Structures are given as C-alpha cells and as structure tokens.
Amino acid sequence: LLLLFSVIEIKAQENPPVPVQVEVRT
C-alpha cells in the first residue's frame, strides 16, 4: 500500500482566473 501510494502521481489544476468584468450604473 505504501509503495502504491508513493508511485501514484496526483495532479491538480487550479481554477482558471475569474474574468474581470465591471459594470457601472448611474
């Protein structure tokens, strides 16, 4: 089990950046 966990490659990807949108109302 230790060998199995040490061999498995775990990958993670961060969420893409949130698009910046600005709206202005009078």
PDB file of all heavy atoms in Angstrom:
ATOM      1  N   LEU A   1       0.827  -1.205   0.000  1.00  0.00           N
ATOM      2  CA  LEU A   1       0.000   0.000   0.000  1.00  0.00           C
ATOM      3  C   LEU A   1       0.866   1.262   0.000  1.00  0.00           C
ATOM      4  O   LEU A   1       0.577   2.213  -0.731  1.00  0.00           O
ATOM      5  CB  LEU A   1      -0.945   0.008   1.205  1.00  0.00           C
ATOM      6  CG  LEU A   1      -2.157  -0.901   1.105  1.00  0.00           C
ATOM      7  CD1 LEU A   1      -2.928  -0.885   2.430  1.00  0.00           C
ATOM      8  CD2 LEU A   1      -3.059  -0.481  -0.031  1.00  0.00           C
ATOM      9  N   LEU A   2       1.907   1.279   0.815  1.00  0.00           N
ATOM     10  CA  LEU A   2       2.809   2.434   0.836  1.00  0.00           C
ATOM     11  C   LEU A   2       3.480   2.622  -0.518  1.00  0.00           C
ATOM     12  O   LEU A   2       3.608   3.742  -1.014  1.00  0.00           O
ATOM     13  CB  LEU A   2       3.858   2.271   1.936  1.00  0.00           C
ATOM     14  CG  LEU A   2       3.361   2.458   3.367  1.00  0.00           C
ATOM     15  CD1 LEU A   2       4.481   2.153   4.354  1.00  0.00           C
ATOM     16  CD2 LEU A   2       2.859   3.865   3.578  1.00  0.00           C
ATOM     17  N   LEU A   3       3.894   1.527  -1.131  1.00  0.00           N
ATOM     18  CA  LEU A   3       4.520   1.581  -2.442  1.00  0.00           C
ATOM     19  C   LEU A   3       3.517   2.083  -3.484  1.00  0.00           C
ATOM     20  O   LEU A   3       3.850   2.914  -4.324  1.00  0.00           O
ATOM     21  CB  LEU A   3       5.050   0.191  -2.824  1.00  0.00           C
ATOM     22  CG  LEU A   3       5.776   0.109  -4.160  1.00  0.00           C
ATOM     23  CD1 LEU A   3       7.029   0.976  -4.137  1.00  0.00           C
ATOM     24  CD2 LEU A   3       6.152  -1.326  -4.467  1.00  0.00           C
ATOM     25  N   LEU A   4       2.289   1.623  -3.406  1.00  0.00           N
ATOM     26  CA  LEU A   4       1.253   2.036  -4.336  1.00  0.00           C
ATOM     27  C   LEU A   4       1.005   3.538  -4.236  1.00  0.00           C
ATOM     28  O   LEU A   4       0.924   4.231  -5.233  1.00  0.00           O
ATOM     29  CB  LEU A   4      -0.033   1.251  -4.062  1.00  0.00           C
ATOM     30  CG  LEU A   4      -1.240   1.586  -4.944  1.00  0.00           C
ATOM     31  CD1 LEU A   4      -0.964   1.189  -6.390  1.00  0.00           C
ATOM     32  CD2 LEU A   4      -2.465   0.871  -4.439  1.00  0.00           C
ATOM     33  N   PHE A   5       0.887   4.064  -3.018  1.00  0.00           N
ATOM     34  CA  PHE A   5       0.641   5.488  -2.837  1.00  0.00           C
ATOM     35  C   PHE A   5       1.838   6.340  -3.223  1.00  0.00           C
ATOM     36  O   PHE A   5       1.691   7.476  -3.621  1.00  0.00           O
ATOM     37  CB  PHE A   5       0.221   5.796  -1.394  1.00  0.00           C
ATOM     38  CG  PHE A   5      -1.190   5.396  -1.097  1.00  0.00           C
ATOM     39  CD1 PHE A   5      -1.466   4.485  -0.103  1.00  0.00           C
ATOM     40  CD2 PHE A   5      -2.242   5.919  -1.824  1.00  0.00           C
ATOM     41  CE1 PHE A   5      -2.765   4.110   0.178  1.00  0.00           C
ATOM     42  CE2 PHE A   5      -3.543   5.551  -1.551  1.00  0.00           C
ATOM     43  CZ  PHE A   5      -3.815   4.637  -0.556  1.00  0.00           C
ATOM     44  N   SER A   6       3.026   5.796  -3.113  1.00  0.00           N
ATOM     45  CA  SER A   6       4.203   6.585  -3.462  1.00  0.00           C
ATOM     46  C   SER A   6       4.437   6.607  -4.961  1.00  0.00           C
ATOM     47  O   SER A   6       5.107   7.477  -5.474  1.00  0.00           O
ATOM     48  CB  SER A   6       5.441   6.054  -2.737  1.00  0.00           C
ATOM     49  OG  SER A   6       5.734   4.747  -3.184  1.00  0.00           O
ATOM     50  N   VAL A   7       3.858   5.687  -5.698  1.00  0.00           N
ATOM     51  CA  VAL A   7       4.044   5.607  -7.145  1.00  0.00           C
ATOM     52  C   VAL A   7       2.962   6.396  -7.885  1.00  0.00           C
ATOM     53  O   VAL A   7       3.205   6.931  -8.948  1.00  0.00           O
ATOM     54  CB  VAL A   7       4.060   4.134  -7.607  1.00  0.00           C
ATOM     55  CG1 VAL A   7       4.092   4.030  -9.107  1.00  0.00           C
ATOM     56  CG2 VAL A   7       5.238   3.409  -6.995  1.00  0.00           C
ATOM     57  N   ILE A   8       1.778   6.495  -7.326  1.00  0.00           N
ATOM     58  CA  ILE A   8       0.680   7.173  -7.997  1.00  0.00           C
ATOM     59  C   ILE A   8       0.977   8.671  -8.029  1.00  0.00           C
ATOM     60  O   ILE A   8       1.284   9.289  -7.020  1.00  0.00           O
ATOM     61  CB  ILE A   8      -0.655   6.918  -7.272  1.00  0.00           C
ATOM     62  CG1 ILE A   8      -1.023   5.447  -7.364  1.00  0.00           C
ATOM     63  CG2 ILE A   8      -1.748   7.785  -7.862  1.00  0.00           C
ATOM     64  CD1 ILE A   8      -2.280   5.094  -6.621  1.00  0.00           C
ATOM     65  N   GLU A   9       0.892   9.221  -9.207  1.00  0.00           N
ATOM     66  CA  GLU A   9       1.123  10.651  -9.382  1.00  0.00           C
ATOM     67  C   GLU A   9      -0.232  11.350  -9.260  1.00  0.00           C
ATOM     68  O   GLU A   9      -1.178  11.018  -9.971  1.00  0.00           O
ATOM     69  CB  GLU A   9       1.737  10.915 -10.750  1.00  0.00           C
ATOM     70  CG  GLU A   9       2.072  12.361 -10.975  1.00  0.00           C
ATOM     71  CD  GLU A   9       2.750  12.576 -12.318  1.00  0.00           C
ATOM     72  OE1 GLU A   9       3.253  11.604 -12.903  1.00  0.00           O
ATOM     73  OE2 GLU A   9       2.759  13.712 -12.768  1.00  0.00           O
ATOM     74  N   ILE A  10      -0.290  12.290  -8.370  1.00  0.00           N
ATOM     75  CA  ILE A  10      -1.524  13.028  -8.151  1.00  0.00           C
ATOM     76  C   ILE A  10      -1.345  14.409  -8.771  1.00  0.00           C
ATOM     77  O   ILE A  10      -0.377  15.111  -8.489  1.00  0.00           O
ATOM     78  CB  ILE A  10      -1.842  13.147  -6.655  1.00  0.00           C
ATOM     79  CG1 ILE A  10      -2.016  11.756  -6.054  1.00  0.00           C
ATOM     80  CG2 ILE A  10      -3.069  14.003  -6.439  1.00  0.00           C
ATOM     81  CD1 ILE A  10      -2.192  11.751  -4.558  1.00  0.00           C
ATOM     82  N   LYS A  11      -2.279  14.768  -9.647  1.00  0.00           N
ATOM     83  CA  LYS A  11      -2.217  16.066 -10.310  1.00  0.00           C
ATOM     84  C   LYS A  11      -3.459  16.857  -9.942  1.00  0.00           C
ATOM     85  O   LYS A  11      -4.543  16.308  -9.813  1.00  0.00           O
ATOM     86  CB  LYS A  11      -2.168  15.896 -11.828  1.00  0.00           C
ATOM     87  CG  LYS A  11      -0.905  15.265 -12.331  1.00  0.00           C
ATOM     88  CD  LYS A  11      -0.913  15.231 -13.839  1.00  0.00           C
ATOM     89  CE  LYS A  11       0.387  14.643 -14.349  1.00  0.00           C
ATOM     90  NZ  LYS A  11       0.451  14.632 -15.802  1.00  0.00           N
ATOM     91  N   ALA A  12      -3.263  18.157  -9.825  1.00  0.00           N
ATOM     92  CA  ALA A  12      -4.380  19.056  -9.571  1.00  0.00           C
ATOM     93  C   ALA A  12      -4.163  20.309 -10.401  1.00  0.00           C
ATOM     94  O   ALA A  12      -3.033  20.721 -10.637  1.00  0.00           O
ATOM     95  CB  ALA A  12      -4.460  19.406  -8.092  1.00  0.00           C
ATOM     96  N   GLN A  13      -5.241  20.880 -10.826  1.00  0.00           N
ATOM     97  CA  GLN A  13      -5.158  22.106 -11.614  1.00  0.00           C
ATOM     98  C   GLN A  13      -5.974  23.159 -10.893  1.00  0.00           C
ATOM     99  O   GLN A  13      -7.098  22.904 -10.483  1.00  0.00           O
ATOM    100  CB  GLN A  13      -5.703  21.869 -13.015  1.00  0.00           C
ATOM    101  CG  GLN A  13      -5.657  23.087 -13.882  1.00  0.00           C
ATOM    102  CD  GLN A  13      -6.176  22.793 -15.287  1.00  0.00           C
ATOM    103  OE1 GLN A  13      -6.433  21.666 -15.635  1.00  0.00           O
ATOM    104  NE2 GLN A  13      -6.320  23.824 -16.071  1.00  0.00           N
ATOM    105  N   GLU A  14      -5.406  24.354 -10.772  1.00  0.00           N
ATOM    106  CA  GLU A  14      -6.147  25.422 -10.125  1.00  0.00           C
ATOM    107  C   GLU A  14      -7.245  25.903 -11.058  1.00  0.00           C
ATOM    108  O   GLU A  14      -7.164  25.749 -12.274  1.00  0.00           O
ATOM    109  CB  GLU A  14      -5.233  26.573  -9.735  1.00  0.00           C
ATOM    110  CG  GLU A  14      -4.656  27.338 -10.904  1.00  0.00           C
ATOM    111  CD  GLU A  14      -3.730  28.446 -10.453  1.00  0.00           C
ATOM    112  OE1 GLU A  14      -2.766  28.155  -9.741  1.00  0.00           O
ATOM    113  OE2 GLU A  14      -4.012  29.590 -10.814  1.00  0.00           O
ATOM    114  N   ASN A  15      -8.264  26.470 -10.464  1.00  0.00           N
ATOM    115  CA  ASN A  15      -9.355  27.004 -11.269  1.00  0.00           C
ATOM    116  C   ASN A  15      -8.842  28.150 -12.121  1.00  0.00           C
ATOM    117  O   ASN A  15      -7.956  28.898 -11.698  1.00  0.00           O
ATOM    118  CB  ASN A  15     -10.483  27.509 -10.367  1.00  0.00           C
ATOM    119  CG  ASN A  15     -11.179  26.373  -9.667  1.00  0.00           C
ATOM    120  OD1 ASN A  15     -11.253  25.266 -10.184  1.00  0.00           O
ATOM    121  ND2 ASN A  15     -11.695  26.648  -8.477  1.00  0.00           N
ATOM    122  N   PRO A  16      -9.382  28.307 -13.319  1.00  0.00           N
ATOM    123  CA  PRO A  16      -8.938  29.426 -14.151  1.00  0.00           C
ATOM    124  C   PRO A  16      -9.302  30.743 -13.471  1.00  0.00           C
ATOM    125  O   PRO A  16     -10.234  30.793 -12.672  1.00  0.00           O
ATOM    126  CB  PRO A  16      -9.711  29.238 -15.453  1.00  0.00           C
ATOM    127  CG  PRO A  16     -10.864  28.378 -15.102  1.00  0.00           C
ATOM    128  CD  PRO A  16     -10.431  27.537 -13.932  1.00  0.00           C
ATOM    129  N   PRO A  17      -8.560  31.827 -13.767  1.00  0.00           N
ATOM    130  CA  PRO A  17      -8.874  33.099 -13.123  1.00  0.00           C
ATOM    131  C   PRO A  17     -10.283  33.556 -13.499  1.00  0.00           C
ATOM    132  O   PRO A  17     -10.747  33.316 -14.610  1.00  0.00           O
ATOM    133  CB  PRO A  17      -7.812  34.054 -13.671  1.00  0.00           C
ATOM    134  CG  PRO A  17      -7.253  33.388 -14.872  1.00  0.00           C
ATOM    135  CD  PRO A  17      -7.466  31.920 -14.705  1.00  0.00           C
ATOM    136  N   VAL A  18     -10.941  34.178 -12.546  1.00  0.00           N
ATOM    137  CA  VAL A  18     -12.284  34.681 -12.775  1.00  0.00           C
ATOM    138  C   VAL A  18     -12.179  35.889 -13.709  1.00  0.00           C
ATOM    139  O   VAL A  18     -11.372  36.781 -13.470  1.00  0.00           O
ATOM    140  CB  VAL A  18     -12.930  35.091 -11.432  1.00  0.00           C
ATOM    141  CG1 VAL A  18     -14.307  35.666 -11.652  1.00  0.00           C
ATOM    142  CG2 VAL A  18     -12.991  33.903 -10.496  1.00  0.00           C
ATOM    143  N   PRO A  19     -12.961  35.926 -14.770  1.00  0.00           N
ATOM    144  CA  PRO A  19     -12.851  37.086 -15.665  1.00  0.00           C
ATOM    145  C   PRO A  19     -13.271  38.356 -14.935  1.00  0.00           C
ATOM    146  O   PRO A  19     -14.219  38.358 -14.162  1.00  0.00           O
ATOM    147  CB  PRO A  19     -13.813  36.760 -16.801  1.00  0.00           C
ATOM    148  CG  PRO A  19     -14.699  35.684 -16.291  1.00  0.00           C
ATOM    149  CD  PRO A  19     -13.963  34.983 -15.203  1.00  0.00           C
ATOM    150  N   VAL A  20     -12.518  39.416 -15.168  1.00  0.00           N
ATOM    151  CA  VAL A  20     -12.806  40.694 -14.519  1.00  0.00           C
ATOM    152  C   VAL A  20     -13.770  41.464 -15.412  1.00  0.00           C
ATOM    153  O   VAL A  20     -13.432  41.813 -16.536  1.00  0.00           O
ATOM    154  CB  VAL A  20     -11.519  41.501 -14.287  1.00  0.00           C
ATOM    155  CG1 VAL A  20     -11.843  42.849 -13.683  1.00  0.00           C
ATOM    156  CG2 VAL A  20     -10.569  40.738 -13.390  1.00  0.00           C
ATOM    157  N   GLN A  21     -14.967  41.664 -14.923  1.00  0.00           N
ATOM    158  CA  GLN A  21     -15.958  42.456 -15.629  1.00  0.00           C
ATOM    159  C   GLN A  21     -16.449  43.520 -14.673  1.00  0.00           C
ATOM    160  O   GLN A  21     -16.729  43.228 -13.510  1.00  0.00           O
ATOM    161  CB  GLN A  21     -17.113  41.594 -16.099  1.00  0.00           C
ATOM    162  CG  GLN A  21     -16.712  40.562 -17.133  1.00  0.00           C
ATOM    163  CD  GLN A  21     -17.886  39.694 -17.549  1.00  0.00           C
ATOM    164  OE1 GLN A  21     -18.919  39.677 -16.912  1.00  0.00           O
ATOM    165  NE2 GLN A  21     -17.716  38.969 -18.639  1.00  0.00           N
ATOM    166  N   VAL A  22     -16.534  44.740 -15.158  1.00  0.00           N
ATOM    167  CA  VAL A  22     -17.003  45.846 -14.346  1.00  0.00           C
ATOM    168  C   VAL A  22     -18.202  46.469 -15.042  1.00  0.00           C
ATOM    169  O   VAL A  22     -18.170  46.729 -16.237  1.00  0.00           O
ATOM    170  CB  VAL A  22     -15.894  46.904 -14.158  1.00  0.00           C
ATOM    171  CG1 VAL A  22     -16.415  48.100 -13.389  1.00  0.00           C
ATOM    172  CG2 VAL A  22     -14.693  46.290 -13.452  1.00  0.00           C
ATOM    173  N   GLU A  23     -19.262  46.682 -14.282  1.00  0.00           N
ATOM    174  CA  GLU A  23     -20.439  47.366 -14.798  1.00  0.00           C
ATOM    175  C   GLU A  23     -20.724  48.536 -13.871  1.00  0.00           C
ATOM    176  O   GLU A  23     -20.700  48.390 -12.647  1.00  0.00           O
ATOM    177  CB  GLU A  23     -21.644  46.412 -14.829  1.00  0.00           C
ATOM    178  CG  GLU A  23     -22.890  47.058 -15.375  1.00  0.00           C
ATOM    179  CD  GLU A  23     -24.085  46.122 -15.369  1.00  0.00           C
ATOM    180  OE1 GLU A  23     -23.895  44.902 -15.244  1.00  0.00           O
ATOM    181  OE2 GLU A  23     -25.213  46.628 -15.480  1.00  0.00           O
ATOM    182  N   VAL A  24     -20.987  49.691 -14.463  1.00  0.00           N
ATOM    183  CA  VAL A  24     -21.271  50.897 -13.687  1.00  0.00           C
ATOM    184  C   VAL A  24     -22.641  51.417 -14.090  1.00  0.00           C
ATOM    185  O   VAL A  24     -22.932  51.575 -15.274  1.00  0.00           O
ATOM    186  CB  VAL A  24     -20.200  51.986 -13.937  1.00  0.00           C
ATOM    187  CG1 VAL A  24     -20.517  53.233 -13.122  1.00  0.00           C
ATOM    188  CG2 VAL A  24     -18.815  51.457 -13.606  1.00  0.00           C
ATOM    189  N   ARG A  25     -23.474  51.668 -13.092  1.00  0.00           N
ATOM    190  CA  ARG A  25     -24.816  52.210 -13.331  1.00  0.00           C
ATOM    191  C   ARG A  25     -24.976  53.511 -12.554  1.00  0.00           C
ATOM    192  O   ARG A  25     -24.585  53.602 -11.390  1.00  0.00           O
ATOM    193  CB  ARG A  25     -25.884  51.228 -12.858  1.00  0.00           C
ATOM    194  CG  ARG A  25     -25.870  49.912 -13.577  1.00  0.00           C
ATOM    195  CD  ARG A  25     -26.953  48.993 -13.033  1.00  0.00           C
ATOM    196  NE  ARG A  25     -26.757  47.632 -13.519  1.00  0.00           N
ATOM    197  CZ  ARG A  25     -27.325  46.581 -12.970  1.00  0.00           C
ATOM    198  NH1 ARG A  25     -28.112  46.716 -11.919  1.00  0.00           N
ATOM    199  NH2 ARG A  25     -27.099  45.373 -13.466  1.00  0.00           N
ATOM    200  N   THR A  26     -25.577  54.493 -13.189  1.00  0.00           N
ATOM    201  CA  THR A  26     -25.870  55.764 -12.518  1.00  0.00           C
ATOM    202  C   THR A  26     -27.143  55.590 -11.702  1.00  0.00           C
ATOM    203  O   THR A  26     -28.192  55.258 -12.250  1.00  0.00           O
ATOM    204  CB  THR A  26     -26.061  56.897 -13.540  1.00  0.00           C
ATOM    205  OG1 THR A  26     -24.899  56.983 -14.355  1.00  0.00           O
ATOM    206  CG2 THR A  26     -26.297  58.231 -12.834  1.00  0.00           C
TER     207      THR A  26
END
